[in-house]
Amino acid sequence: MQTLSLISPGATGAPAANDSALLEVGELVVLLALENAKLTAAWADALRQLADARERVIQAGDVARQRLERDLHDGAQQRLTAIQVKLALAQEAAEGQDLARQLESIGADAAKAVDELRALARGIYPTVLRDNGLGDALRSVAREAPITVDVIDEAIGRCPEPVENAIYFCALEAVQNTTKHAGAGASITLRISRDLGLLRFDFADDGVGLDTARRGDGIGMTSMHDRIGAVGGELEVISSPGGGTTIRGAVPDRAGVSVL
């Protein structure tokens, strides 16, 4: 009886040419995978560093706003108020009617300066945002806006300060844009809500709209994207000629729950 033996090409102990080529290819694949993993990790780290840097810039700006608002309130406003009091006392002691009228006029100018300074301080950083939160701050914007602004606050409570700042200043920019560009009689609705760990906002006007394909982002819109991006959120602009404009976005609530 004859026995058949199957002998592989590498049975002599020396690897065949094909086996050697396969080993080399396998080594290259492993090396490429390792390099790709390193590049992916480096890219992710660079993105994290960029996001952290953007957040630091935004937060530094907000801190500077708060400091400037306090300086205006505690410094210039207080001095102007003291001048008003002194003018009132001088007016009472004035002997001539002409001098009294001049002092009264100066006092009125000082009062206007105080009002303008307060408005400037609120625009830089509103105390109502810091003290009472986003809902009250938006209602304050609505009261002072030159157009009709409806605020729908679905009882979101307090949020992390960077998140409140980002959404507030986006809403302020939206109101200003509507006032300037949406046309006569336009109004805007500011809606804020909370859903599954996300703070959602929806700022919609019924104005003339715009062609988003032809009109690039201006400074205000870029600032909105930067602010929302710095707190890990997303923002989109939906608009068309004659169809109004909606600015919509969502920001993660980093605290997980309302900060009471």
Protein backbone atom coordinates (compact mmCIF):
# COMPACT_ATOMS: atom_id res chain seq x y z
CA MET A 1 0.00 0.00 0.00
CA GLN A 2 1.36 3.42 -0.95
CA THR A 3 1.20 6.32 1.54
CA LEU A 4 0.74 9.93 0.30
CA SER A 5 2.36 12.71 2.32
CA LEU A 6 1.28 16.37 2.13
CA ILE A 7 4.27 18.59 2.55
CA SER A 8 3.83 22.37 2.99
CA PRO A 9 6.18 24.74 1.21
CA GLY A 10 7.74 25.68 4.53
CA ALA A 11 8.20 22.20 5.84
CA THR A 12 11.98 22.37 5.54
CA GLY A 13 12.07 25.03 8.33
CA ALA A 14 12.86 28.00 6.08
CA PRO A 15 9.90 30.40 5.46
CA ALA A 16 8.72 30.62 1.89
CA ALA A 17 8.86 33.92 -0.01
CA ASN A 18 5.10 34.33 0.21
CA ASP A 19 5.13 33.85 3.98
CA SER A 20 7.87 36.46 4.34
CA ALA A 21 5.93 38.96 2.26
CA LEU A 22 2.81 38.35 4.32
CA LEU A 23 4.75 38.95 7.53
CA GLU A 24 6.09 42.22 6.18
CA VAL A 25 2.63 43.34 5.13
CA GLY A 26 1.27 42.39 8.53
CA GLU A 27 3.99 44.41 10.26
CA LEU A 28 3.21 47.42 8.05
CA VAL A 29 -0.49 47.13 8.84
CA VAL A 30 0.26 47.05 12.57
CA LEU A 31 2.60 50.04 12.29
CA LEU A 32 0.04 52.00 10.28
CA ALA A 33 -2.66 51.18 12.81
CA LEU A 34 -0.44 52.37 15.65
CA GLU A 35 0.45 55.59 13.81
CA ASN A 36 -3.20 56.19 12.98
CA ALA A 37 -4.14 55.70 16.63
CA LYS A 38 -1.45 58.19 17.66
CA LEU A 39 -2.64 60.74 15.09
CA THR A 40 -6.26 60.28 16.15
CA ALA A 41 -5.34 60.76 19.81
CA ALA A 42 -3.25 63.83 18.98
CA TRP A 43 -6.09 65.31 16.90
CA ALA A 44 -8.62 64.70 19.69
CA ASP A 45 -6.24 66.26 22.21
CA ALA A 46 -5.75 69.31 19.95
CA LEU A 47 -9.52 69.72 19.63
CA ARG A 48 -9.91 69.50 23.42
CA GLN A 49 -7.20 72.09 23.91
CA LEU A 50 -8.85 74.39 21.36
CA ALA A 51 -12.24 74.01 23.04
CA ASP A 52 -10.69 74.66 26.47
CA ALA A 53 -8.89 77.74 25.15
CA ARG A 54 -12.09 79.10 23.60
CA GLU A 55 -13.96 78.52 26.86
CA ARG A 56 -11.24 80.30 28.83
CA VAL A 57 -11.40 83.31 26.49
CA ILE A 58 -15.20 83.54 26.81
CA GLN A 59 -15.10 83.16 30.59
CA ALA A 60 -12.31 85.73 30.90
CA GLY A 61 -14.43 88.14 28.90
CA ASP A 62 -17.43 87.54 31.17
CA VAL A 63 -15.31 88.07 34.28
CA ALA A 64 -14.02 91.33 32.79
CA ARG A 65 -17.61 92.39 32.02
CA GLN A 66 -18.66 91.74 35.62
CA ARG A 67 -15.67 93.64 36.97
CA LEU A 68 -16.35 96.61 34.69
CA GLU A 69 -20.04 96.61 35.66
CA ARG A 70 -19.10 96.68 39.37
CA ASP A 71 -16.54 99.45 38.78
CA LEU A 72 -19.13 101.58 36.99
CA HIS A 73 -21.71 100.98 39.71
CA ASP A 74 -19.38 101.51 42.66
CA GLY A 75 -17.32 104.28 41.09
CA ALA A 76 -18.75 106.57 38.42
CA GLN A 77 -22.43 106.06 39.31
CA GLN A 78 -21.83 106.78 42.98
CA ARG A 79 -19.86 109.93 42.19
CA LEU A 80 -22.56 111.21 39.85
CA THR A 81 -25.21 110.51 42.48
CA ALA A 82 -23.16 112.47 45.04
CA ILE A 83 -22.94 115.37 42.56
CA GLN A 84 -26.72 115.31 42.20
CA VAL A 85 -27.16 115.60 45.95
CA LYS A 86 -24.71 118.50 46.16
CA LEU A 87 -26.43 120.28 43.28
CA ALA A 88 -29.80 119.88 44.99
CA LEU A 89 -28.41 121.39 48.20
CA ALA A 90 -26.78 124.23 46.25
CA GLN A 91 -30.06 124.90 44.45
CA GLU A 92 -31.89 125.22 47.77
CA ALA A 93 -29.28 127.68 49.04
CA ALA A 94 -29.10 129.70 45.83
CA GLU A 95 -30.27 133.32 46.26
CA GLY A 96 -30.92 134.22 42.61
CA GLN A 97 -33.47 132.60 40.30
CA ASP A 98 -30.97 132.48 37.42
CA LEU A 99 -28.44 130.56 39.51
CA ALA A 100 -31.16 128.21 40.77
CA ARG A 101 -32.27 127.46 37.21
CA GLN A 102 -28.69 126.84 36.12
CA LEU A 103 -28.15 124.45 39.02
CA GLU A 104 -31.42 122.69 38.20
CA SER A 105 -30.31 122.26 34.57
CA ILE A 106 -26.95 120.86 35.67
CA GLY A 107 -28.77 118.48 38.01
CA ALA A 108 -30.98 117.28 35.16
CA ASP A 109 -27.90 116.64 33.01
CA ALA A 110 -26.31 114.69 35.87
CA ALA A 111 -29.49 112.60 36.22
CA LYS A 112 -29.41 111.76 32.50
CA ALA A 113 -25.76 110.80 32.80
CA VAL A 114 -26.60 108.45 35.69
CA ASP A 115 -29.39 106.82 33.65
CA GLU A 116 -27.13 106.37 30.63
CA LEU A 117 -24.38 104.93 32.81
CA ARG A 118 -26.79 102.46 34.39
CA ALA A 119 -27.98 101.38 30.97
CA LEU A 120 -24.37 100.96 29.86
CA ALA A 121 -23.56 98.89 32.95
CA ARG A 122 -26.59 96.65 32.36
CA GLY A 123 -25.49 96.12 28.76
CA ILE A 124 -21.97 95.20 29.85
CA TYR A 125 -23.18 92.65 32.39
CA PRO A 126 -26.73 92.71 33.82
CA THR A 127 -26.95 92.26 37.57
CA VAL A 128 -30.35 90.60 37.15
CA LEU A 129 -28.65 87.74 35.28
CA ARG A 130 -26.14 87.21 38.07
CA ASP A 131 -28.68 87.58 40.88
CA ASN A 132 -31.89 86.05 39.50
CA GLY A 133 -30.95 83.87 36.56
CA LEU A 134 -31.68 83.53 32.88
CA GLY A 135 -35.49 83.72 32.94
CA ASP A 136 -35.63 87.06 34.79
CA ALA A 137 -32.76 88.43 32.69
CA LEU A 138 -34.62 87.66 29.45
CA ARG A 139 -37.80 89.24 30.82
CA SER A 140 -35.74 92.35 31.57
CA VAL A 141 -34.54 92.37 27.95
CA ALA A 142 -38.16 92.10 26.80
CA ARG A 143 -39.27 95.06 28.91
CA GLU A 144 -36.53 97.33 27.60
CA ALA A 145 -36.55 96.22 23.95
CA PRO A 146 -37.87 98.66 21.30
CA ILE A 147 -39.86 95.81 19.70
CA THR A 148 -42.38 93.28 21.03
CA VAL A 149 -40.57 90.42 22.77
CA ASP A 150 -42.38 87.45 24.30
CA VAL A 151 -40.48 85.28 26.76
CA ILE A 152 -41.52 81.66 27.33
CA ASP A 153 -39.61 80.27 30.30
CA GLU A 154 -40.51 76.64 30.97
CA ALA A 155 -39.37 76.92 34.60
CA ILE A 156 -35.76 75.99 33.92
CA GLY A 157 -34.53 77.46 37.23
CA ARG A 158 -30.88 78.37 37.66
CA CYS A 159 -28.20 77.02 35.36
CA PRO A 160 -24.39 76.99 35.51
CA GLU A 161 -23.14 80.56 35.16
CA PRO A 162 -21.23 80.04 31.87
CA VAL A 163 -24.37 78.51 30.32
CA GLU A 164 -26.60 81.36 31.50
CA ASN A 165 -24.14 83.89 30.13
CA ALA A 166 -23.89 82.17 26.74
CA ILE A 167 -27.65 81.88 26.20
CA TYR A 168 -28.37 85.38 27.54
CA PHE A 169 -25.93 87.15 25.23
CA CYS A 170 -27.14 85.08 22.27
CA ALA A 171 -30.71 86.18 23.06
CA LEU A 172 -29.58 89.79 23.33
CA GLU A 173 -27.88 89.54 19.93
CA ALA A 174 -31.01 87.96 18.45
CA VAL A 175 -33.19 90.83 19.72
CA GLN A 176 -30.74 93.41 18.37
CA ASN A 177 -30.61 91.67 14.97
CA THR A 178 -34.41 91.53 14.78
CA THR A 179 -34.65 95.20 15.70
CA LYS A 180 -32.16 96.19 13.00
CA HIS A 181 -32.92 93.83 10.15
CA ALA A 182 -36.32 92.13 10.50
CA GLY A 183 -38.37 95.07 9.27
CA ALA A 184 -41.08 97.31 10.72
CA GLY A 185 -43.53 95.63 13.07
CA ALA A 186 -41.44 92.51 13.59
CA SER A 187 -41.61 90.74 16.93
CA ILE A 188 -39.58 87.98 18.53
CA THR A 189 -40.23 85.07 20.88
CA LEU A 190 -37.53 83.86 23.24
CA ARG A 191 -38.15 80.31 24.51
CA ILE A 192 -35.97 78.41 27.00
CA SER A 193 -36.55 74.88 28.22
CA ARG A 194 -34.81 71.90 29.80
CA ASP A 195 -34.83 68.39 28.34
CA LEU A 196 -32.77 65.30 29.26
CA GLY A 197 -29.79 67.22 30.61
CA LEU A 198 -29.89 69.80 27.84
CA LEU A 199 -30.85 73.45 28.06
CA ARG A 200 -32.64 74.34 24.84
CA PHE A 201 -33.33 77.78 23.43
CA ASP A 202 -35.36 78.94 20.50
CA PHE A 203 -35.32 82.60 19.40
CA ALA A 204 -37.78 83.16 16.54
CA ASP A 205 -38.88 86.36 14.81
CA ASP A 206 -41.60 86.96 12.21
CA GLY A 207 -39.60 89.43 10.15
CA VAL A 208 -38.45 89.59 6.56
CA GLY A 209 -35.98 86.73 6.95
CA LEU A 210 -32.75 86.29 5.03
CA ASP A 211 -31.07 84.03 2.52
CA THR A 212 -28.59 82.10 4.66
CA ALA A 213 -26.92 80.66 1.55
CA ARG A 214 -25.95 84.11 0.29
CA ARG A 215 -25.46 86.03 3.52
CA GLY A 216 -22.39 85.05 5.54
CA ASP A 217 -22.12 85.17 9.30
CA GLY A 218 -21.44 88.62 10.66
CA ILE A 219 -19.57 89.47 13.84
CA GLY A 220 -22.69 89.02 15.96
CA MET A 221 -23.52 85.59 14.57
CA THR A 222 -19.91 84.47 14.86
CA SER A 223 -19.90 85.58 18.49
CA MET A 224 -23.06 83.54 19.11
CA HIS A 225 -21.50 80.41 17.62
CA ASP A 226 -18.34 80.96 19.68
CA ARG A 227 -20.25 81.44 22.93
CA ILE A 228 -22.44 78.38 22.48
CA GLY A 229 -19.52 76.28 21.24
CA ALA A 230 -17.43 77.29 24.25
CA VAL A 231 -19.94 75.68 26.62
CA GLY A 232 -20.22 72.52 24.52
CA GLY A 233 -23.45 73.42 22.75
CA GLU A 234 -24.72 73.59 19.20
CA LEU A 235 -26.48 76.41 17.36
CA GLU A 236 -28.28 76.62 14.03
CA VAL A 237 -29.88 79.45 12.09
CA ILE A 238 -33.03 78.74 10.09
CA SER A 239 -34.28 81.47 7.79
CA SER A 240 -35.54 82.26 4.32
CA PRO A 241 -36.67 85.46 2.58
CA GLY A 242 -40.12 86.32 3.88
CA GLY A 243 -40.12 83.44 6.37
CA GLY A 244 -38.64 85.03 9.47
CA THR A 245 -35.53 83.86 11.29
CA THR A 246 -35.11 81.24 14.00
CA ILE A 247 -31.96 80.76 16.05
CA ARG A 248 -32.09 77.42 17.82
CA GLY A 249 -29.64 75.55 19.98
CA ALA A 250 -28.93 73.27 22.91
CA VAL A 251 -26.33 73.38 25.65
CA PRO A 252 -25.49 70.57 28.08
CA ASP A 253 -26.34 71.36 31.68
CA ARG A 254 -23.02 70.50 33.24
CA ALA A 255 -24.47 70.46 36.73
CA GLY A 256 -26.99 67.86 35.64
CA VAL A 257 -29.75 69.57 37.63
CA SER A 258 -30.88 73.12 38.27
CA VAL A 259 -28.64 75.16 40.52
CA LEU A 260 -31.01 76.56 43.14
